[in-house]
Amino acid sequence: MYSVNEHDPVSLSTYKQVFYTNFNLRFKTVKKDTCKTCDRLTVSAASAEGEQKTLVQEEHNMHIQSAETAKKADEDLKRATHDATVETLTYDLLKVLSLPRIPTNIVYYKRQLSMFNLGVHSGSNNKGYFYVWMENEGGRGAQDIGSILF
């Protein structure tokens, strides 16, 4: 008789059966994420008629073309790795972390110290840099971010 070792993987059909029957879970395909402008223009085009519909569709096409142009920025990132005269930087102001991290209900709603984190990725050397500061040292405004970059 076959004994199951704890390290033996189960088949996909067994995996699905357990999740579908025992846990009542389902798997769905990932839907394409759309922006607010795309959603607004799609709804406007569906409800518009005649010349108005044509104008909305043209605006939507221009918006899609703009998005495609932004996606081509990836070419600049690839170029920066090979061309010393080109540098690409991407910035991301990450989630604010409240300190101390205490999930207790009473303490959670009391005033906490905020920690900010700015991530910068350099395309030429494919490295990430992070700048962390507390709210008493500065905020998240344009001047604060500019000072960090400087």
N, C-alpha and C. Protein backbone atom coordinates (compact mmCIF):
# COMPACT_ATOMS: atom_id res chain seq x y z
N MET A 1 0.85 -1.18 0.00
CA MET A 1 0.00 0.00 0.00
C MET A 1 0.89 1.24 0.00
N TYR A 2 0.45 2.26 -0.69
CA TYR A 2 1.22 3.49 -0.83
C TYR A 2 1.04 4.36 0.41
N SER A 3 2.14 4.80 1.00
CA SER A 3 2.05 5.70 2.15
C SER A 3 2.40 7.11 1.68
N VAL A 4 1.69 8.05 2.18
CA VAL A 4 1.90 9.44 1.79
C VAL A 4 2.95 10.06 2.69
N ASN A 5 3.98 10.56 2.07
CA ASN A 5 5.03 11.27 2.79
C ASN A 5 4.57 12.72 2.93
N GLU A 6 4.90 13.36 4.01
CA GLU A 6 4.46 14.75 4.21
C GLU A 6 5.06 15.71 3.19
N HIS A 7 6.09 15.29 2.48
CA HIS A 7 6.73 16.15 1.50
C HIS A 7 6.24 15.89 0.07
N ASP A 8 5.42 14.85 -0.13
CA ASP A 8 4.89 14.55 -1.46
C ASP A 8 3.82 15.57 -1.82
N PRO A 9 3.93 16.19 -3.00
CA PRO A 9 2.90 17.16 -3.40
C PRO A 9 1.61 16.44 -3.80
N VAL A 10 0.51 17.13 -3.62
CA VAL A 10 -0.78 16.58 -4.05
C VAL A 10 -1.04 17.01 -5.48
N SER A 11 -1.95 16.32 -6.12
CA SER A 11 -2.28 16.67 -7.50
C SER A 11 -3.12 17.95 -7.51
N LEU A 12 -3.16 18.59 -8.67
CA LEU A 12 -3.93 19.81 -8.82
C LEU A 12 -5.41 19.54 -8.59
N SER A 13 -5.89 18.41 -9.04
CA SER A 13 -7.32 18.08 -8.86
C SER A 13 -7.66 17.90 -7.39
N THR A 14 -6.77 17.28 -6.62
CA THR A 14 -7.00 17.12 -5.18
C THR A 14 -6.97 18.48 -4.48
N TYR A 15 -6.02 19.30 -4.87
CA TYR A 15 -5.90 20.65 -4.30
C TYR A 15 -7.19 21.44 -4.53
N LYS A 16 -7.68 21.42 -5.78
CA LYS A 16 -8.92 22.15 -6.09
C LYS A 16 -10.11 21.59 -5.34
N GLN A 17 -10.20 20.25 -5.25
CA GLN A 17 -11.33 19.63 -4.56
C GLN A 17 -11.38 20.06 -3.10
N VAL A 18 -10.24 20.07 -2.43
CA VAL A 18 -10.19 20.47 -1.02
C VAL A 18 -10.62 21.92 -0.88
N PHE A 19 -10.09 22.81 -1.73
CA PHE A 19 -10.43 24.22 -1.60
C PHE A 19 -11.87 24.52 -2.00
N TYR A 20 -12.38 23.81 -3.01
CA TYR A 20 -13.76 24.06 -3.44
C TYR A 20 -14.78 23.50 -2.45
N THR A 21 -14.51 22.33 -1.91
CA THR A 21 -15.51 21.69 -1.05
C THR A 21 -15.33 22.03 0.43
N ASN A 22 -14.11 21.90 0.94
CA ASN A 22 -13.89 22.09 2.37
C ASN A 22 -13.86 23.56 2.79
N PHE A 23 -13.35 24.43 1.92
CA PHE A 23 -13.20 25.83 2.29
C PHE A 23 -14.12 26.76 1.52
N ASN A 24 -14.85 26.24 0.55
CA ASN A 24 -15.78 27.03 -0.25
C ASN A 24 -15.07 28.23 -0.90
N LEU A 25 -13.87 27.98 -1.43
CA LEU A 25 -13.10 29.03 -2.11
C LEU A 25 -13.13 28.77 -3.61
N ARG A 26 -12.98 29.84 -4.39
CA ARG A 26 -12.95 29.75 -5.84
C ARG A 26 -11.76 30.54 -6.38
N PHE A 27 -11.31 30.17 -7.53
CA PHE A 27 -10.23 30.88 -8.20
C PHE A 27 -10.81 31.59 -9.41
N LYS A 28 -10.48 32.85 -9.57
CA LYS A 28 -10.95 33.62 -10.70
C LYS A 28 -9.75 34.19 -11.43
N THR A 29 -9.93 34.45 -12.71
CA THR A 29 -8.86 35.07 -13.46
C THR A 29 -8.75 36.53 -13.04
N VAL A 30 -7.55 37.05 -13.10
CA VAL A 30 -7.30 38.43 -12.71
C VAL A 30 -7.89 39.35 -13.77
N LYS A 31 -8.63 40.34 -13.32
CA LYS A 31 -9.22 41.29 -14.25
C LYS A 31 -8.25 42.44 -14.49
N LYS A 32 -8.37 43.04 -15.65
CA LYS A 32 -7.52 44.16 -15.99
C LYS A 32 -7.93 45.37 -15.17
N ASP A 33 -6.96 46.02 -14.58
CA ASP A 33 -7.21 47.20 -13.77
C ASP A 33 -7.35 48.41 -14.70
N THR A 34 -8.35 49.23 -14.45
CA THR A 34 -8.55 50.42 -15.26
C THR A 34 -8.50 51.65 -14.37
N CYS A 35 -8.18 52.79 -14.98
CA CYS A 35 -8.11 54.03 -14.22
C CYS A 35 -9.48 54.71 -14.21
N LYS A 36 -9.62 55.73 -13.38
CA LYS A 36 -10.89 56.45 -13.27
C LYS A 36 -11.27 57.12 -14.59
N THR A 37 -10.27 57.65 -15.30
CA THR A 37 -10.55 58.32 -16.57
C THR A 37 -11.09 57.32 -17.58
N CYS A 38 -10.49 56.15 -17.68
CA CYS A 38 -10.99 55.12 -18.60
C CYS A 38 -12.43 54.73 -18.25
N ASP A 39 -12.68 54.53 -16.96
CA ASP A 39 -14.03 54.15 -16.53
C ASP A 39 -15.04 55.24 -16.87
N ARG A 40 -14.69 56.50 -16.61
CA ARG A 40 -15.58 57.61 -16.90
C ARG A 40 -15.87 57.72 -18.39
N LEU A 41 -14.83 57.61 -19.20
CA LEU A 41 -15.01 57.72 -20.64
C LEU A 41 -15.79 56.55 -21.23
N THR A 42 -15.61 55.36 -20.70
CA THR A 42 -16.37 54.20 -21.16
C THR A 42 -17.85 54.37 -20.88
N VAL A 43 -18.18 54.83 -19.68
CA VAL A 43 -19.59 55.05 -19.32
C VAL A 43 -20.18 56.18 -20.15
N SER A 44 -19.40 57.25 -20.34
CA SER A 44 -19.88 58.38 -21.14
C SER A 44 -20.14 57.97 -22.58
N ALA A 45 -19.26 57.15 -23.14
CA ALA A 45 -19.42 56.70 -24.52
C ALA A 45 -20.65 55.80 -24.66
N ALA A 46 -20.91 54.99 -23.64
CA ALA A 46 -22.07 54.09 -23.69
C ALA A 46 -23.38 54.85 -23.65
N SER A 47 -23.40 55.98 -22.96
CA SER A 47 -24.66 56.73 -22.82
C SER A 47 -24.79 57.86 -23.84
N ALA A 48 -23.70 58.19 -24.54
CA ALA A 48 -23.76 59.29 -25.51
C ALA A 48 -24.28 58.80 -26.86
N GLU A 49 -24.70 59.77 -27.68
CA GLU A 49 -25.20 59.45 -29.02
C GLU A 49 -24.63 60.44 -30.02
N GLY A 50 -24.53 59.99 -31.26
CA GLY A 50 -24.15 60.86 -32.36
C GLY A 50 -22.76 61.45 -32.23
N GLU A 51 -22.68 62.77 -32.46
CA GLU A 51 -21.40 63.47 -32.46
C GLU A 51 -20.75 63.45 -31.08
N GLN A 52 -21.57 63.53 -30.03
CA GLN A 52 -21.04 63.49 -28.66
C GLN A 52 -20.33 62.17 -28.39
N LYS A 53 -20.90 61.07 -28.89
CA LYS A 53 -20.28 59.77 -28.71
C LYS A 53 -18.93 59.70 -29.43
N THR A 54 -18.86 60.27 -30.62
CA THR A 54 -17.62 60.30 -31.38
C THR A 54 -16.54 61.08 -30.63
N LEU A 55 -16.93 62.22 -30.07
CA LEU A 55 -15.97 63.05 -29.31
C LEU A 55 -15.45 62.30 -28.09
N VAL A 56 -16.33 61.62 -27.38
CA VAL A 56 -15.92 60.88 -26.18
C VAL A 56 -15.00 59.72 -26.58
N GLN A 57 -15.33 59.04 -27.67
CA GLN A 57 -14.48 57.94 -28.12
C GLN A 57 -13.10 58.44 -28.55
N GLU A 58 -13.03 59.59 -29.20
CA GLU A 58 -11.75 60.17 -29.58
C GLU A 58 -10.93 60.54 -28.34
N GLU A 59 -11.60 61.11 -27.33
CA GLU A 59 -10.90 61.45 -26.08
C GLU A 59 -10.36 60.18 -25.42
N HIS A 60 -11.17 59.12 -25.45
CA HIS A 60 -10.75 57.85 -24.85
C HIS A 60 -9.56 57.27 -25.61
N ASN A 61 -9.59 57.34 -26.93
CA ASN A 61 -8.48 56.85 -27.74
C ASN A 61 -7.20 57.62 -27.45
N MET A 62 -7.31 58.95 -27.28
CA MET A 62 -6.13 59.77 -26.95
C MET A 62 -5.59 59.38 -25.57
N HIS A 63 -6.50 59.12 -24.64
CA HIS A 63 -6.10 58.70 -23.30
C HIS A 63 -5.37 57.36 -23.35
N ILE A 64 -5.88 56.41 -24.12
CA ILE A 64 -5.25 55.10 -24.27
C ILE A 64 -3.87 55.25 -24.90
N GLN A 65 -3.78 56.12 -25.92
CA GLN A 65 -2.50 56.36 -26.59
C GLN A 65 -1.48 56.95 -25.61
N SER A 66 -1.95 57.85 -24.75
CA SER A 66 -1.07 58.43 -23.74
C SER A 66 -0.56 57.36 -22.78
N ALA A 67 -1.44 56.42 -22.42
CA ALA A 67 -1.04 55.33 -21.53
C ALA A 67 -0.01 54.43 -22.22
N GLU A 68 -0.20 54.17 -23.50
CA GLU A 68 0.75 53.34 -24.24
C GLU A 68 2.12 54.01 -24.31
N THR A 69 2.12 55.33 -24.48
CA THR A 69 3.38 56.08 -24.51
C THR A 69 4.09 55.96 -23.17
N ALA A 70 3.33 56.01 -22.08
CA ALA A 70 3.93 55.88 -20.74
C ALA A 70 4.52 54.48 -20.55
N LYS A 71 3.86 53.47 -21.11
CA LYS A 71 4.38 52.11 -20.99
C LYS A 71 5.70 51.95 -21.73
N LYS A 72 5.89 52.72 -22.78
CA LYS A 72 7.12 52.65 -23.55
C LYS A 72 8.30 53.25 -22.78
N ALA A 73 8.04 53.86 -21.65
CA ALA A 73 9.11 54.40 -20.82
C ALA A 73 10.04 53.29 -20.37
N ASP A 74 9.55 52.06 -20.41
CA ASP A 74 10.38 50.90 -20.08
C ASP A 74 11.59 50.83 -20.99
N GLU A 75 11.44 51.31 -22.23
CA GLU A 75 12.56 51.34 -23.16
C GLU A 75 13.67 52.26 -22.63
N ASP A 76 13.27 53.36 -22.00
CA ASP A 76 14.26 54.26 -21.41
C ASP A 76 15.03 53.57 -20.29
N LEU A 77 14.32 52.76 -19.51
CA LEU A 77 14.96 52.02 -18.43
C LEU A 77 16.00 51.06 -18.99
N LYS A 78 15.66 50.36 -20.07
CA LYS A 78 16.62 49.45 -20.69
C LYS A 78 17.80 50.22 -21.28
N ARG A 79 17.51 51.38 -21.87
CA ARG A 79 18.57 52.20 -22.46
C ARG A 79 19.55 52.69 -21.39
N ALA A 80 19.03 53.01 -20.21
CA ALA A 80 19.88 53.52 -19.13
C ALA A 80 20.91 52.49 -18.68
N THR A 81 20.61 51.22 -18.83
CA THR A 81 21.56 50.19 -18.41
C THR A 81 22.74 50.09 -19.38
N HIS A 82 22.54 50.55 -20.64
CA HIS A 82 23.60 50.42 -21.65
C HIS A 82 24.26 51.75 -22.02
N ASP A 83 23.56 52.86 -21.84
CA ASP A 83 24.05 54.16 -22.27
C ASP A 83 24.40 55.01 -21.04
N ALA A 84 25.66 55.38 -20.92
CA ALA A 84 26.12 56.13 -19.73
C ALA A 84 25.58 57.55 -19.70
N THR A 85 25.06 58.05 -20.82
CA THR A 85 24.52 59.41 -20.85
C THR A 85 23.06 59.48 -20.45
N VAL A 86 22.45 58.32 -20.19
CA VAL A 86 21.02 58.26 -19.84
C VAL A 86 20.86 57.71 -18.43
N GLU A 87 20.02 58.35 -17.64
CA GLU A 87 19.68 57.86 -16.31
C GLU A 87 18.17 57.93 -16.15
N THR A 88 17.59 56.90 -15.60
CA THR A 88 16.17 56.92 -15.28
C THR A 88 16.01 56.72 -13.78
N LEU A 89 15.14 57.49 -13.18
CA LEU A 89 14.84 57.37 -11.76
C LEU A 89 13.34 57.21 -11.60
N THR A 90 12.93 56.26 -10.79
CA THR A 90 11.52 56.12 -10.45
C THR A 90 11.40 56.32 -8.94
N TYR A 91 10.34 57.00 -8.55
CA TYR A 91 10.13 57.36 -7.15
C TYR A 91 8.83 56.74 -6.66
N ASP A 92 8.83 56.39 -5.40
CA ASP A 92 7.62 55.87 -4.78
C ASP A 92 7.62 56.29 -3.31
N LEU A 93 6.64 57.11 -2.95
CA LEU A 93 6.48 57.49 -1.55
C LEU A 93 5.64 56.39 -0.91
N LEU A 94 6.28 55.57 -0.12
CA LEU A 94 5.65 54.37 0.41
C LEU A 94 4.69 54.69 1.55
N LYS A 95 4.00 53.66 1.99
CA LYS A 95 3.01 53.79 3.06
C LYS A 95 3.61 54.36 4.33
N VAL A 96 2.85 55.22 4.99
CA VAL A 96 3.27 55.80 6.26
C VAL A 96 3.17 54.73 7.34
N LEU A 97 4.22 54.57 8.10
CA LEU A 97 4.21 53.61 9.20
C LEU A 97 4.03 54.35 10.50
N SER A 98 3.07 53.91 11.30
CA SER A 98 2.84 54.51 12.62
C SER A 98 3.66 53.76 13.65
N LEU A 99 4.34 54.51 14.47
CA LEU A 99 5.16 53.92 15.52
C LEU A 99 4.66 54.36 16.88
N PRO A 100 4.70 53.55 17.88
CA PRO A 100 5.05 52.14 17.84
C PRO A 100 3.93 51.33 17.20
N ARG A 101 4.26 50.16 16.67
CA ARG A 101 3.27 49.30 16.03
C ARG A 101 2.59 48.45 17.11
N ILE A 102 1.52 48.97 17.64
CA ILE A 102 0.78 48.27 18.68
C ILE A 102 -0.66 48.14 18.22
N PRO A 103 -1.12 46.92 17.99
CA PRO A 103 -2.48 46.73 17.48
C PRO A 103 -3.57 46.86 18.54
N THR A 104 -3.20 47.04 19.79
CA THR A 104 -4.20 47.13 20.85
C THR A 104 -5.12 48.32 20.59
N ASN A 105 -6.38 48.10 20.75
CA ASN A 105 -7.41 49.07 20.39
C ASN A 105 -7.20 50.45 21.01
N ILE A 106 -6.96 50.52 22.30
CA ILE A 106 -6.84 51.81 22.99
C ILE A 106 -5.60 52.56 22.53
N VAL A 107 -4.47 51.89 22.47
CA VAL A 107 -3.22 52.53 22.10
C VAL A 107 -3.21 52.89 20.61
N TYR A 108 -3.86 52.08 19.78
CA TYR A 108 -3.85 52.30 18.33
C TYR A 108 -4.40 53.67 17.97
N TYR A 109 -5.44 54.11 18.64
CA TYR A 109 -6.08 55.39 18.30
C TYR A 109 -5.47 56.60 19.00
N LYS A 110 -4.53 56.38 19.86
CA LYS A 110 -3.81 57.50 20.48
C LYS A 110 -2.82 58.05 19.47
N ARG A 111 -2.32 59.24 19.71
CA ARG A 111 -1.37 59.88 18.80
C ARG A 111 -0.12 59.03 18.71
N GLN A 112 0.30 58.72 17.47
CA GLN A 112 1.50 57.93 17.25
C GLN A 112 2.48 58.73 16.39
N LEU A 113 3.72 58.32 16.42
CA LEU A 113 4.75 58.93 15.61
C LEU A 113 4.73 58.29 14.23
N SER A 114 4.74 59.12 13.17
CA SER A 114 4.72 58.60 11.81
C SER A 114 6.12 58.55 11.23
N MET A 115 6.39 57.45 10.52
CA MET A 115 7.66 57.28 9.83
C MET A 115 7.38 57.25 8.33
N PHE A 116 8.11 58.07 7.57
CA PHE A 116 7.92 58.16 6.13
C PHE A 116 9.06 57.43 5.43
N ASN A 117 8.78 56.93 4.23
CA ASN A 117 9.76 56.17 3.47
C ASN A 117 9.63 56.51 1.99
N LEU A 118 10.70 57.00 1.39
CA LEU A 118 10.74 57.30 -0.04
C LEU A 118 11.69 56.34 -0.71
N GLY A 119 11.18 55.62 -1.71
CA GLY A 119 12.01 54.70 -2.47
C GLY A 119 12.37 55.32 -3.81
N VAL A 120 13.63 55.21 -4.20
CA VAL A 120 14.12 55.70 -5.49
C VAL A 120 14.86 54.55 -6.15
N HIS A 121 14.48 54.25 -7.40
CA HIS A 121 15.15 53.19 -8.15
C HIS A 121 15.94 53.81 -9.28
N SER A 122 17.21 53.49 -9.35
CA SER A 122 18.10 53.98 -10.40
C SER A 122 18.14 52.95 -11.52
N GLY A 123 17.82 53.41 -12.75
CA GLY A 123 17.80 52.50 -13.88
C GLY A 123 19.18 52.13 -14.37
N SER A 124 20.18 53.00 -14.18
CA SER A 124 21.51 52.72 -14.72
C SER A 124 22.22 51.60 -13.99
N ASN A 125 22.04 51.52 -12.68
CA ASN A 125 22.72 50.46 -11.94
C ASN A 125 21.75 49.45 -11.32
N ASN A 126 20.45 49.63 -11.59
CA ASN A 126 19.40 48.72 -11.12
C ASN A 126 19.44 48.54 -9.60
N LYS A 127 19.63 49.65 -8.90
CA LYS A 127 19.65 49.62 -7.43
C LYS A 127 18.53 50.48 -6.89
N GLY A 128 18.04 50.09 -5.73
CA GLY A 128 17.03 50.86 -5.03
C GLY A 128 17.63 51.56 -3.83
N TYR A 129 17.17 52.76 -3.59
CA TYR A 129 17.62 53.54 -2.45
C TYR A 129 16.39 53.96 -1.66
N PHE A 130 16.49 53.89 -0.34
CA PHE A 130 15.37 54.25 0.50
C PHE A 130 15.78 55.33 1.48
N TYR A 131 14.94 56.32 1.61
CA TYR A 131 15.18 57.43 2.54
C TYR A 131 14.05 57.40 3.55
N VAL A 132 14.42 57.25 4.80
CA VAL A 132 13.45 57.11 5.89
C VAL A 132 13.63 58.29 6.84
N TRP A 133 12.50 58.90 7.25
CA TRP A 133 12.56 60.00 8.20
C TRP A 133 11.29 60.02 9.03
N MET A 134 11.39 60.63 10.19
CA MET A 134 10.27 60.75 11.11
C MET A 134 9.53 62.06 10.85
N GLU A 135 8.27 62.10 11.26
CA GLU A 135 7.45 63.28 11.00
C GLU A 135 7.98 64.53 11.70
N ASN A 136 8.75 64.38 12.78
CA ASN A 136 9.30 65.56 13.46
C ASN A 136 10.49 66.14 12.69
N GLU A 137 11.02 65.39 11.70
CA GLU A 137 12.13 65.87 10.89
C GLU A 137 11.65 66.52 9.58
N GLY A 138 10.43 66.25 9.20
CA GLY A 138 9.89 66.82 7.96
C GLY A 138 8.60 66.12 7.58
N GLY A 139 7.92 66.69 6.61
CA GLY A 139 6.66 66.12 6.16
C GLY A 139 6.81 65.36 4.85
N ARG A 140 5.69 65.34 4.08
CA ARG A 140 5.68 64.64 2.81
C ARG A 140 5.40 65.59 1.66
N GLY A 141 5.64 66.86 1.86
CA GLY A 141 5.37 67.86 0.84
C GLY A 141 6.46 67.90 -0.22
N ALA A 142 6.23 68.75 -1.23
CA ALA A 142 7.17 68.86 -2.35
C ALA A 142 8.55 69.33 -1.89
N GLN A 143 8.60 70.28 -0.97
CA GLN A 143 9.89 70.77 -0.49
C GLN A 143 10.65 69.70 0.29
N ASP A 144 9.93 68.92 1.07
CA ASP A 144 10.57 67.84 1.84
C ASP A 144 11.16 66.80 0.90
N ILE A 145 10.37 66.39 -0.10
CA ILE A 145 10.84 65.38 -1.05
C ILE A 145 12.02 65.94 -1.86
N GLY A 146 11.91 67.21 -2.27
CA GLY A 146 13.00 67.85 -3.00
C GLY A 146 14.28 67.88 -2.20
N SER A 147 14.18 68.15 -0.90
CA SER A 147 15.36 68.17 -0.03
C SER A 147 16.00 66.78 0.04
N ILE A 148 15.18 65.78 0.10
CA ILE A 148 15.70 64.41 0.18
C ILE A 148 16.43 64.08 -1.11
N LEU A 149 15.85 64.42 -2.24
CA LEU A 149 16.49 64.11 -3.53
C LEU A 149 17.79 64.90 -3.71
N PHE A 150 17.79 66.14 -3.19
CA PHE A 150 18.99 66.95 -3.29
C PHE A 150 20.10 66.35 -2.46
